[in-house]
């Protein structure tokens, strides 16, 4: 295929299907292919791989050099692990702190929130973009306040939030609208 967008789309779709059958082979194949397609798909391959064989996926992740590939693989592993065991997923992020980026943290927050809102919110401080971090805090804490006001309020009393986040949360509360 000579059209780059068409080629990347084909690689992405093929990788999604192949990952269900052979995630290790799919990851190896993507590492040799075009970076755009790999960057769009690598995390999905690791999500499927962790679901199929977590230890093999984590061993492969550990063998990747630090950088974009490992960050993408880590995001995929975190996506799956955070839904089942947020503390195990956080420990995995701690093992590779140089590969943790804002997108990965948001991914962790989204996938761990239902199981452990406090753990999810506790990782938001790792985000480097202050505006994105504050928006993520406001959305997540706001959702927790609606779901379980007592637990969220208790957490907030022990874990200080940036003043802009508190203002945003207070403004968005139903009683203040």
N, C-alpha and C. Protein backbone atom coordinates (compact mmCIF):
# COMPACT_ATOMS: atom_id res chain seq x y z
N UNK A 1 0.84 -1.18 0.00
CA UNK A 1 0.00 0.00 0.00
C UNK A 1 0.88 1.24 0.00
N UNK A 2 0.63 2.13 -0.93
CA UNK A 2 1.45 3.33 -1.03
C UNK A 2 0.87 4.51 -0.24
N UNK A 3 -0.44 4.52 -0.01
CA UNK A 3 -1.06 5.59 0.77
C UNK A 3 -0.79 5.34 2.25
N UNK A 4 -0.10 6.27 2.88
CA UNK A 4 0.32 6.08 4.27
C UNK A 4 -0.86 5.90 5.23
N UNK A 5 -1.88 6.71 5.09
CA UNK A 5 -3.03 6.61 5.98
C UNK A 5 -3.74 5.26 5.80
N UNK A 6 -3.88 4.84 4.56
CA UNK A 6 -4.52 3.54 4.29
C UNK A 6 -3.67 2.41 4.85
N UNK A 7 -2.35 2.49 4.67
CA UNK A 7 -1.44 1.46 5.20
C UNK A 7 -1.53 1.41 6.73
N UNK A 8 -1.49 2.56 7.37
CA UNK A 8 -1.56 2.59 8.83
C UNK A 8 -2.89 2.02 9.33
N UNK A 9 -3.98 2.34 8.64
CA UNK A 9 -5.28 1.80 9.01
C UNK A 9 -5.32 0.28 8.86
N UNK A 10 -4.75 -0.22 7.78
CA UNK A 10 -4.72 -1.68 7.56
C UNK A 10 -3.87 -2.37 8.62
N UNK A 11 -2.72 -1.78 8.94
CA UNK A 11 -1.85 -2.36 9.97
C UNK A 11 -2.58 -2.37 11.31
N UNK A 12 -3.24 -1.27 11.62
CA UNK A 12 -3.96 -1.17 12.89
C UNK A 12 -5.04 -2.24 13.00
N UNK A 13 -5.85 -2.38 11.96
CA UNK A 13 -6.92 -3.38 12.00
C UNK A 13 -6.39 -4.80 12.06
N UNK A 14 -5.34 -5.06 11.30
CA UNK A 14 -4.74 -6.40 11.32
C UNK A 14 -4.16 -6.69 12.70
N UNK A 15 -3.49 -5.72 13.28
CA UNK A 15 -2.87 -5.92 14.59
C UNK A 15 -3.92 -6.20 15.66
N UNK A 16 -5.04 -5.51 15.59
CA UNK A 16 -6.09 -5.74 16.59
C UNK A 16 -6.59 -7.19 16.53
N UNK A 17 -6.76 -7.71 15.34
CA UNK A 17 -7.22 -9.10 15.20
C UNK A 17 -6.14 -10.10 15.58
N UNK A 18 -4.92 -9.84 15.12
CA UNK A 18 -3.80 -10.75 15.40
C UNK A 18 -3.47 -10.80 16.89
N UNK A 19 -3.65 -9.68 17.58
CA UNK A 19 -3.33 -9.63 19.01
C UNK A 19 -4.18 -10.60 19.81
N UNK A 20 -5.37 -10.86 19.36
CA UNK A 20 -6.24 -11.81 20.05
C UNK A 20 -5.71 -13.24 19.94
N UNK A 21 -5.01 -13.52 18.85
CA UNK A 21 -4.49 -14.86 18.59
C UNK A 21 -3.05 -15.01 19.08
N UNK A 22 -2.22 -14.05 18.71
CA UNK A 22 -0.78 -14.12 19.00
C UNK A 22 -0.25 -12.74 19.39
N UNK A 23 -0.49 -12.33 20.63
CA UNK A 23 -0.05 -10.98 21.02
C UNK A 23 1.47 -10.81 20.97
N UNK A 24 2.23 -11.82 21.32
CA UNK A 24 3.69 -11.70 21.27
C UNK A 24 4.18 -11.48 19.85
N UNK A 25 3.66 -12.27 18.93
CA UNK A 25 4.04 -12.11 17.53
C UNK A 25 3.58 -10.78 16.97
N UNK A 26 2.41 -10.33 17.38
CA UNK A 26 1.88 -9.05 16.91
C UNK A 26 2.74 -7.90 17.41
N UNK A 27 3.14 -7.95 18.68
CA UNK A 27 4.01 -6.90 19.24
C UNK A 27 5.35 -6.88 18.49
N UNK A 28 5.92 -8.04 18.25
CA UNK A 28 7.19 -8.12 17.52
C UNK A 28 7.04 -7.55 16.11
N UNK A 29 5.95 -7.88 15.46
CA UNK A 29 5.69 -7.38 14.10
C UNK A 29 5.55 -5.86 14.11
N UNK A 30 4.80 -5.32 15.08
CA UNK A 30 4.61 -3.87 15.13
C UNK A 30 5.92 -3.14 15.39
N UNK A 31 6.81 -3.75 16.15
CA UNK A 31 8.09 -3.09 16.43
C UNK A 31 8.93 -2.91 15.17
N UNK A 32 8.67 -3.70 14.15
CA UNK A 32 9.45 -3.59 12.91
C UNK A 32 8.74 -2.75 11.86
N UNK A 33 7.52 -2.32 12.13
CA UNK A 33 6.72 -1.62 11.13
C UNK A 33 6.74 -0.12 11.28
N UNK A 34 5.87 0.55 10.53
CA UNK A 34 5.80 2.01 10.57
C UNK A 34 5.40 2.50 11.96
N UNK A 35 6.05 3.57 12.39
CA UNK A 35 5.82 4.05 13.76
C UNK A 35 4.42 4.58 13.98
N UNK A 36 3.79 5.21 12.98
CA UNK A 36 2.44 5.74 13.18
C UNK A 36 1.46 4.62 13.52
N UNK A 37 1.49 3.55 12.77
CA UNK A 37 0.59 2.43 13.02
C UNK A 37 0.92 1.78 14.36
N UNK A 38 2.18 1.64 14.65
CA UNK A 38 2.59 1.04 15.92
C UNK A 38 2.09 1.89 17.09
N UNK A 39 2.29 3.20 17.00
CA UNK A 39 1.89 4.07 18.10
C UNK A 39 0.39 4.05 18.33
N UNK A 40 -0.38 3.83 17.28
CA UNK A 40 -1.83 3.79 17.41
C UNK A 40 -2.33 2.46 17.97
N UNK A 41 -1.51 1.42 17.90
CA UNK A 41 -1.99 0.06 18.17
C UNK A 41 -1.26 -0.67 19.28
N UNK A 42 -0.04 -0.27 19.58
CA UNK A 42 0.80 -1.03 20.49
C UNK A 42 0.14 -1.23 21.86
N UNK A 43 -0.50 -0.19 22.38
CA UNK A 43 -1.15 -0.32 23.69
C UNK A 43 -2.28 -1.33 23.65
N UNK A 44 -3.03 -1.38 22.54
CA UNK A 44 -4.12 -2.36 22.43
C UNK A 44 -3.59 -3.79 22.42
N UNK A 45 -2.44 -3.98 21.79
CA UNK A 45 -1.83 -5.31 21.76
C UNK A 45 -1.46 -5.74 23.18
N UNK A 46 -0.89 -4.83 23.95
CA UNK A 46 -0.51 -5.20 25.32
C UNK A 46 -1.72 -5.38 26.22
N UNK A 47 -2.80 -4.67 25.97
CA UNK A 47 -4.03 -4.92 26.72
C UNK A 47 -4.50 -6.35 26.48
N UNK A 48 -4.54 -6.75 25.23
CA UNK A 48 -4.95 -8.12 24.89
C UNK A 48 -3.96 -9.14 25.45
N UNK A 49 -2.68 -8.82 25.40
CA UNK A 49 -1.66 -9.76 25.87
C UNK A 49 -1.75 -9.96 27.37
N UNK A 50 -1.95 -8.88 28.12
CA UNK A 50 -2.08 -9.00 29.58
C UNK A 50 -3.31 -9.85 29.92
N UNK A 51 -4.37 -9.69 29.16
CA UNK A 51 -5.58 -10.50 29.40
C UNK A 51 -5.32 -11.97 29.13
N UNK A 52 -4.46 -12.26 28.18
CA UNK A 52 -4.20 -13.64 27.77
C UNK A 52 -3.09 -14.30 28.60
N UNK A 53 -2.00 -13.56 28.82
CA UNK A 53 -0.84 -14.11 29.54
C UNK A 53 -0.07 -12.94 30.17
N UNK A 54 -0.52 -12.55 31.35
CA UNK A 54 0.03 -11.36 32.00
C UNK A 54 1.54 -11.44 32.21
N UNK A 55 2.03 -12.57 32.67
CA UNK A 55 3.46 -12.68 32.95
C UNK A 55 4.31 -12.53 31.69
N UNK A 56 3.88 -13.14 30.61
CA UNK A 56 4.62 -13.01 29.34
C UNK A 56 4.59 -11.56 28.85
N UNK A 57 3.44 -10.92 28.97
CA UNK A 57 3.31 -9.52 28.54
C UNK A 57 4.22 -8.62 29.37
N UNK A 58 4.23 -8.84 30.69
CA UNK A 58 5.07 -8.00 31.55
C UNK A 58 6.55 -8.26 31.33
N UNK A 59 6.91 -9.49 31.03
CA UNK A 59 8.31 -9.80 30.70
C UNK A 59 8.72 -9.09 29.41
N UNK A 60 7.84 -9.10 28.43
CA UNK A 60 8.12 -8.41 27.17
C UNK A 60 8.25 -6.91 27.40
N UNK A 61 7.34 -6.37 28.18
CA UNK A 61 7.39 -4.94 28.49
C UNK A 61 8.72 -4.58 29.14
N UNK A 62 9.17 -5.39 30.07
CA UNK A 62 10.44 -5.14 30.78
C UNK A 62 11.63 -5.17 29.82
N UNK A 63 11.52 -5.93 28.76
CA UNK A 63 12.63 -6.05 27.80
C UNK A 63 12.68 -4.89 26.81
N UNK A 64 11.61 -4.11 26.74
CA UNK A 64 11.60 -2.97 25.82
C UNK A 64 12.49 -1.86 26.36
N UNK A 65 13.19 -1.15 25.49
CA UNK A 65 13.98 -0.02 25.97
C UNK A 65 13.05 1.12 26.41
N UNK A 66 13.54 1.92 27.34
CA UNK A 66 12.76 3.07 27.81
C UNK A 66 12.41 3.94 26.61
N UNK A 67 11.24 4.52 26.67
CA UNK A 67 10.83 5.42 25.59
C UNK A 67 9.41 5.17 25.15
N UNK A 68 9.08 5.66 23.97
CA UNK A 68 7.72 5.66 23.48
C UNK A 68 7.11 4.26 23.38
N UNK A 69 7.87 3.29 22.88
CA UNK A 69 7.33 1.93 22.76
C UNK A 69 6.97 1.37 24.13
N UNK A 70 7.87 1.51 25.10
CA UNK A 70 7.57 0.97 26.42
C UNK A 70 6.43 1.75 27.07
N UNK A 71 6.37 3.05 26.86
CA UNK A 71 5.26 3.84 27.40
C UNK A 71 3.93 3.36 26.82
N UNK A 72 3.88 3.12 25.52
CA UNK A 72 2.66 2.62 24.89
C UNK A 72 2.30 1.23 25.39
N UNK A 73 3.29 0.36 25.51
CA UNK A 73 3.05 -0.99 26.04
C UNK A 73 2.56 -0.92 27.48
N UNK A 74 3.19 -0.06 28.25
CA UNK A 74 2.80 0.11 29.66
C UNK A 74 1.37 0.60 29.77
N UNK A 75 0.98 1.53 28.90
CA UNK A 75 -0.40 2.03 28.92
C UNK A 75 -1.39 0.90 28.67
N UNK A 76 -1.06 0.01 27.73
CA UNK A 76 -1.94 -1.12 27.46
C UNK A 76 -2.03 -2.07 28.63
N UNK A 77 -0.90 -2.35 29.25
CA UNK A 77 -0.89 -3.24 30.42
C UNK A 77 -1.68 -2.61 31.57
N UNK A 78 -1.48 -1.32 31.77
CA UNK A 78 -2.18 -0.61 32.86
C UNK A 78 -3.68 -0.62 32.61
N UNK A 79 -4.07 -0.44 31.37
CA UNK A 79 -5.51 -0.42 31.04
C UNK A 79 -6.19 -1.69 31.56
N UNK A 80 -5.59 -2.83 31.30
CA UNK A 80 -6.20 -4.10 31.73
C UNK A 80 -6.06 -4.31 33.23
N UNK A 81 -4.86 -4.06 33.76
CA UNK A 81 -4.60 -4.36 35.16
C UNK A 81 -5.37 -3.43 36.11
N UNK A 82 -5.54 -2.17 35.73
CA UNK A 82 -6.20 -1.20 36.62
C UNK A 82 -7.66 -1.54 36.87
N UNK A 83 -8.31 -2.18 35.91
CA UNK A 83 -9.71 -2.55 36.12
C UNK A 83 -9.85 -3.68 37.14
N UNK A 84 -8.80 -4.48 37.27
CA UNK A 84 -8.85 -5.64 38.16
C UNK A 84 -8.16 -5.41 39.49
N UNK A 85 -7.02 -4.73 39.46
CA UNK A 85 -6.22 -4.54 40.67
C UNK A 85 -5.46 -3.21 40.57
N UNK A 86 -6.11 -2.10 40.95
CA UNK A 86 -5.48 -0.79 40.82
C UNK A 86 -4.13 -0.67 41.53
N UNK A 87 -3.97 -1.31 42.67
CA UNK A 87 -2.69 -1.19 43.37
C UNK A 87 -1.57 -1.91 42.62
N UNK A 88 -1.88 -3.04 41.99
CA UNK A 88 -0.88 -3.73 41.17
C UNK A 88 -0.51 -2.89 39.95
N UNK A 89 -1.51 -2.25 39.35
CA UNK A 89 -1.25 -1.38 38.20
C UNK A 89 -0.39 -0.18 38.61
N UNK A 90 -0.68 0.41 39.76
CA UNK A 90 0.12 1.55 40.25
C UNK A 90 1.56 1.11 40.52
N UNK A 91 1.73 -0.07 41.07
CA UNK A 91 3.08 -0.59 41.32
C UNK A 91 3.83 -0.78 40.00
N UNK A 92 3.13 -1.20 38.97
CA UNK A 92 3.77 -1.34 37.66
C UNK A 92 4.20 0.03 37.13
N UNK A 93 3.36 1.04 37.30
CA UNK A 93 3.75 2.38 36.88
C UNK A 93 4.99 2.85 37.65
N UNK A 94 5.04 2.52 38.93
CA UNK A 94 6.18 2.93 39.76
C UNK A 94 7.47 2.24 39.31
N UNK A 95 7.35 1.07 38.72
CA UNK A 95 8.52 0.34 38.24
C UNK A 95 9.15 1.03 37.02
N UNK A 96 8.35 1.78 36.28
CA UNK A 96 8.81 2.44 35.05
C UNK A 96 8.46 3.93 35.07
N UNK A 97 8.91 4.68 36.07
CA UNK A 97 8.48 6.07 36.21
C UNK A 97 8.84 6.95 35.01
N UNK A 98 9.94 6.66 34.34
CA UNK A 98 10.34 7.46 33.19
C UNK A 98 9.45 7.26 31.98
N UNK A 99 8.65 6.21 31.98
CA UNK A 99 7.76 5.92 30.86
C UNK A 99 6.31 6.30 31.15
N UNK A 100 6.08 6.85 32.33
CA UNK A 100 4.73 7.28 32.70
C UNK A 100 4.53 8.70 32.20
N UNK A 101 3.52 8.88 31.35
CA UNK A 101 3.19 10.20 30.85
C UNK A 101 1.74 10.52 31.21
N UNK A 102 1.31 11.72 30.89
CA UNK A 102 -0.04 12.15 31.27
C UNK A 102 -1.11 11.25 30.68
N UNK A 103 -0.94 10.83 29.44
CA UNK A 103 -1.93 9.95 28.81
C UNK A 103 -2.04 8.63 29.56
N UNK A 104 -0.92 8.10 30.00
CA UNK A 104 -0.93 6.84 30.75
C UNK A 104 -1.63 7.02 32.10
N UNK A 105 -1.35 8.13 32.78
CA UNK A 105 -2.00 8.39 34.07
C UNK A 105 -3.51 8.52 33.89
N UNK A 106 -3.94 9.28 32.88
CA UNK A 106 -5.38 9.40 32.62
C UNK A 106 -5.99 8.02 32.37
N UNK A 107 -5.29 7.20 31.63
CA UNK A 107 -5.75 5.85 31.34
C UNK A 107 -5.93 5.07 32.64
N UNK A 108 -4.94 5.16 33.53
CA UNK A 108 -5.02 4.49 34.83
C UNK A 108 -6.24 5.00 35.60
N UNK A 109 -6.41 6.31 35.64
CA UNK A 109 -7.53 6.90 36.39
C UNK A 109 -8.86 6.39 35.86
N UNK A 110 -9.05 6.42 34.54
CA UNK A 110 -10.31 5.99 33.95
C UNK A 110 -10.61 4.53 34.27
N UNK A 111 -9.58 3.69 34.24
CA UNK A 111 -9.81 2.25 34.38
C UNK A 111 -9.79 1.76 35.81
N UNK A 112 -9.27 2.54 36.74
CA UNK A 112 -9.24 2.10 38.14
C UNK A 112 -10.32 2.76 38.99
N UNK A 113 -10.93 3.81 38.49
CA UNK A 113 -11.88 4.59 39.28
C UNK A 113 -13.02 3.77 39.85
N UNK A 114 -13.62 2.92 39.04
CA UNK A 114 -14.77 2.14 39.53
C UNK A 114 -14.38 1.21 40.66
N UNK A 115 -13.20 0.67 40.61
CA UNK A 115 -12.75 -0.30 41.62
C UNK A 115 -12.20 0.40 42.86
N UNK A 116 -11.45 1.51 42.68
CA UNK A 116 -10.81 2.18 43.81
C UNK A 116 -10.63 3.67 43.50
N UNK A 117 -11.67 4.48 43.74
CA UNK A 117 -11.58 5.90 43.39
C UNK A 117 -10.42 6.63 44.08
N UNK A 118 -10.14 6.30 45.31
CA UNK A 118 -9.04 6.95 46.02
C UNK A 118 -7.70 6.68 45.36
N UNK A 119 -7.48 5.44 44.96
CA UNK A 119 -6.23 5.09 44.28
C UNK A 119 -6.15 5.81 42.93
N UNK A 120 -7.27 5.85 42.22
CA UNK A 120 -7.31 6.52 40.92
C UNK A 120 -6.92 7.99 41.07
N UNK A 121 -7.58 8.66 41.97
CA UNK A 121 -7.33 10.09 42.16
C UNK A 121 -5.93 10.34 42.71
N UNK A 122 -5.43 9.42 43.50
CA UNK A 122 -4.09 9.56 44.06
C UNK A 122 -2.98 9.59 43.04
N UNK A 123 -3.24 9.09 41.84
CA UNK A 123 -2.21 9.08 40.80
C UNK A 123 -2.24 10.34 39.92
N UNK A 124 -3.28 11.12 40.01
CA UNK A 124 -3.42 12.30 39.14
C UNK A 124 -2.28 13.28 39.35
N UNK A 125 -1.74 13.36 40.55
CA UNK A 125 -0.65 14.29 40.83
C UNK A 125 0.57 14.03 39.96
N UNK A 126 0.68 12.86 39.37
CA UNK A 126 1.82 12.54 38.50
C UNK A 126 1.76 13.26 37.16
N UNK A 127 0.62 13.79 36.82
CA UNK A 127 0.47 14.46 35.53
C UNK A 127 1.30 15.74 35.51
N UNK A 128 1.95 16.01 34.40
CA UNK A 128 2.84 17.16 34.31
C UNK A 128 2.16 18.41 33.76
N UNK A 129 1.14 18.26 32.95
CA UNK A 129 0.41 19.41 32.42
C UNK A 129 -0.59 19.86 33.48
N UNK A 130 -0.34 21.03 34.06
CA UNK A 130 -1.16 21.51 35.19
C UNK A 130 -2.63 21.66 34.82
N UNK A 131 -2.93 22.18 33.64
CA UNK A 131 -4.33 22.34 33.24
C UNK A 131 -5.02 21.00 33.08
N UNK A 132 -4.35 20.07 32.43
CA UNK A 132 -4.91 18.74 32.23
C UNK A 132 -5.07 18.04 33.58
N UNK A 133 -4.08 18.19 34.45
CA UNK A 133 -4.14 17.59 35.78
C UNK A 133 -5.34 18.13 36.56
N UNK A 134 -5.52 19.45 36.55
CA UNK A 134 -6.62 20.05 37.30
C UNK A 134 -7.98 19.63 36.73
N UNK A 135 -8.09 19.57 35.40
CA UNK A 135 -9.35 19.10 34.79
C UNK A 135 -9.64 17.65 35.18
N UNK A 136 -8.59 16.83 35.19
CA UNK A 136 -8.77 15.41 35.55
C UNK A 136 -9.18 15.29 37.01
N UNK A 137 -8.54 16.06 37.88
CA UNK A 137 -8.95 16.08 39.29
C UNK A 137 -10.42 16.48 39.40
N UNK A 138 -10.79 17.59 38.79
CA UNK A 138 -12.15 18.11 38.93
C UNK A 138 -13.19 17.11 38.44
N UNK A 139 -12.95 16.51 37.27
CA UNK A 139 -13.92 15.53 36.75
C UNK A 139 -14.02 14.30 37.64
N UNK A 140 -12.86 13.81 38.06
CA UNK A 140 -12.84 12.56 38.81
C UNK A 140 -13.38 12.74 40.22
N UNK A 141 -12.91 13.77 40.90
CA UNK A 141 -13.41 14.02 42.26
C UNK A 141 -14.89 14.38 42.20
N UNK A 142 -15.29 15.16 41.21
CA UNK A 142 -16.71 15.49 41.05
C UNK A 142 -17.57 14.25 40.87
N UNK A 143 -17.10 13.32 40.06
CA UNK A 143 -17.84 12.07 39.86
C UNK A 143 -17.91 11.27 41.15
N UNK A 144 -16.83 11.26 41.92
CA UNK A 144 -16.82 10.53 43.18
C UNK A 144 -17.76 11.19 44.18
N UNK A 145 -17.79 12.52 44.21
CA UNK A 145 -18.70 13.22 45.12
C UNK A 145 -20.16 12.88 44.82
N UNK A 146 -20.47 12.70 43.54
CA UNK A 146 -21.84 12.32 43.18
C UNK A 146 -22.14 10.88 43.57
N UNK A 147 -21.14 10.02 43.44
CA UNK A 147 -21.32 8.59 43.70
C UNK A 147 -21.28 8.24 45.18
N UNK A 148 -20.33 8.82 45.90
CA UNK A 148 -20.13 8.50 47.31
C UNK A 148 -19.59 9.73 48.03
N UNK A 149 -20.48 10.68 48.34
CA UNK A 149 -20.03 11.95 48.91
C UNK A 149 -19.23 11.80 50.20
N UNK A 150 -19.61 10.87 51.05
CA UNK A 150 -18.90 10.72 52.33
C UNK A 150 -17.46 10.26 52.11
N UNK A 151 -17.27 9.26 51.27
CA UNK A 151 -15.91 8.76 51.01
C UNK A 151 -15.07 9.81 50.30
N UNK A 152 -15.65 10.49 49.32
CA UNK A 152 -14.91 11.52 48.58
C UNK A 152 -14.51 12.67 49.49
N UNK A 153 -15.42 13.10 50.33
CA UNK A 153 -15.14 14.21 51.25
C UNK A 153 -14.06 13.79 52.25
N UNK A 154 -14.14 12.59 52.75
CA UNK A 154 -13.13 12.09 53.67
C UNK A 154 -11.76 12.06 53.01
N UNK A 155 -11.71 11.59 51.77
CA UNK A 155 -10.44 11.54 51.03
C UNK A 155 -9.88 12.94 50.85
N UNK A 156 -10.75 13.89 50.50
CA UNK A 156 -10.32 15.26 50.26
C UNK A 156 -9.79 15.93 51.52
N UNK A 157 -10.28 15.53 52.68
CA UNK A 157 -9.79 16.11 53.93
C UNK A 157 -8.36 15.69 54.23
N UNK A 158 -7.97 14.52 53.76
CA UNK A 158 -6.62 13.99 54.01
C UNK A 158 -5.67 14.33 52.86
N UNK A 159 -6.21 14.49 51.67
CA UNK A 159 -5.40 14.72 50.46
C UNK A 159 -5.72 16.09 49.89
N UNK A 160 -4.85 17.06 50.11
CA UNK A 160 -5.15 18.41 49.62
C UNK A 160 -5.17 18.47 48.09
N UNK A 161 -6.11 19.22 47.59
CA UNK A 161 -6.24 19.43 46.14
C UNK A 161 -5.86 20.88 45.83
N UNK A 162 -5.41 21.13 44.62
CA UNK A 162 -5.10 22.51 44.23
C UNK A 162 -6.33 23.41 44.38
N UNK A 163 -6.14 24.65 44.80
CA UNK A 163 -7.29 25.56 45.00
C UNK A 163 -8.18 25.69 43.77
N UNK A 164 -7.61 25.71 42.57
CA UNK A 164 -8.42 25.82 41.35
C UNK A 164 -9.35 24.62 41.21
N UNK A 165 -8.90 23.46 41.64
CA UNK A 165 -9.72 22.24 41.56
C UNK A 165 -10.88 22.34 42.53
N UNK A 166 -10.60 22.78 43.75
CA UNK A 166 -11.66 22.92 44.76
C UNK A 166 -12.72 23.90 44.25
N UNK A 167 -12.29 25.03 43.68
CA UNK A 167 -13.24 26.01 43.15
C UNK A 167 -14.09 25.40 42.04
N UNK A 168 -13.45 24.67 41.15
CA UNK A 168 -14.17 24.04 40.04
C UNK A 168 -15.19 23.03 40.54
N UNK A 169 -14.79 22.24 41.51
CA UNK A 169 -15.69 21.22 42.07
C UNK A 169 -16.88 21.90 42.75
N UNK A 170 -16.61 22.94 43.53
CA UNK A 170 -17.69 23.63 44.23
C UNK A 170 -18.66 24.29 43.25
N UNK A 171 -18.11 24.87 42.19
CA UNK A 171 -18.94 25.52 41.16
C UNK A 171 -19.84 24.51 40.47
N UNK A 172 -19.33 23.30 40.25
CA UNK A 172 -20.07 22.28 39.52
C UNK A 172 -21.03 21.46 40.38
N UNK A 173 -21.00 21.65 41.68
CA UNK A 173 -21.90 20.90 42.57
C UNK A 173 -23.34 21.27 42.26
N UNK A 174 -24.27 20.32 42.26
CA UNK A 174 -25.68 20.60 41.91
C UNK A 174 -26.29 21.70 42.77
N UNK A 175 -25.93 21.74 44.05
CA UNK A 175 -26.53 22.75 44.92
C UNK A 175 -26.00 24.17 44.62
N UNK A 176 -24.90 24.26 43.84
CA UNK A 176 -24.33 25.57 43.51
C UNK A 176 -24.64 25.99 42.07
N UNK A 177 -25.42 25.23 41.36
CA UNK A 177 -25.72 25.57 39.96
C UNK A 177 -26.90 26.49 39.89
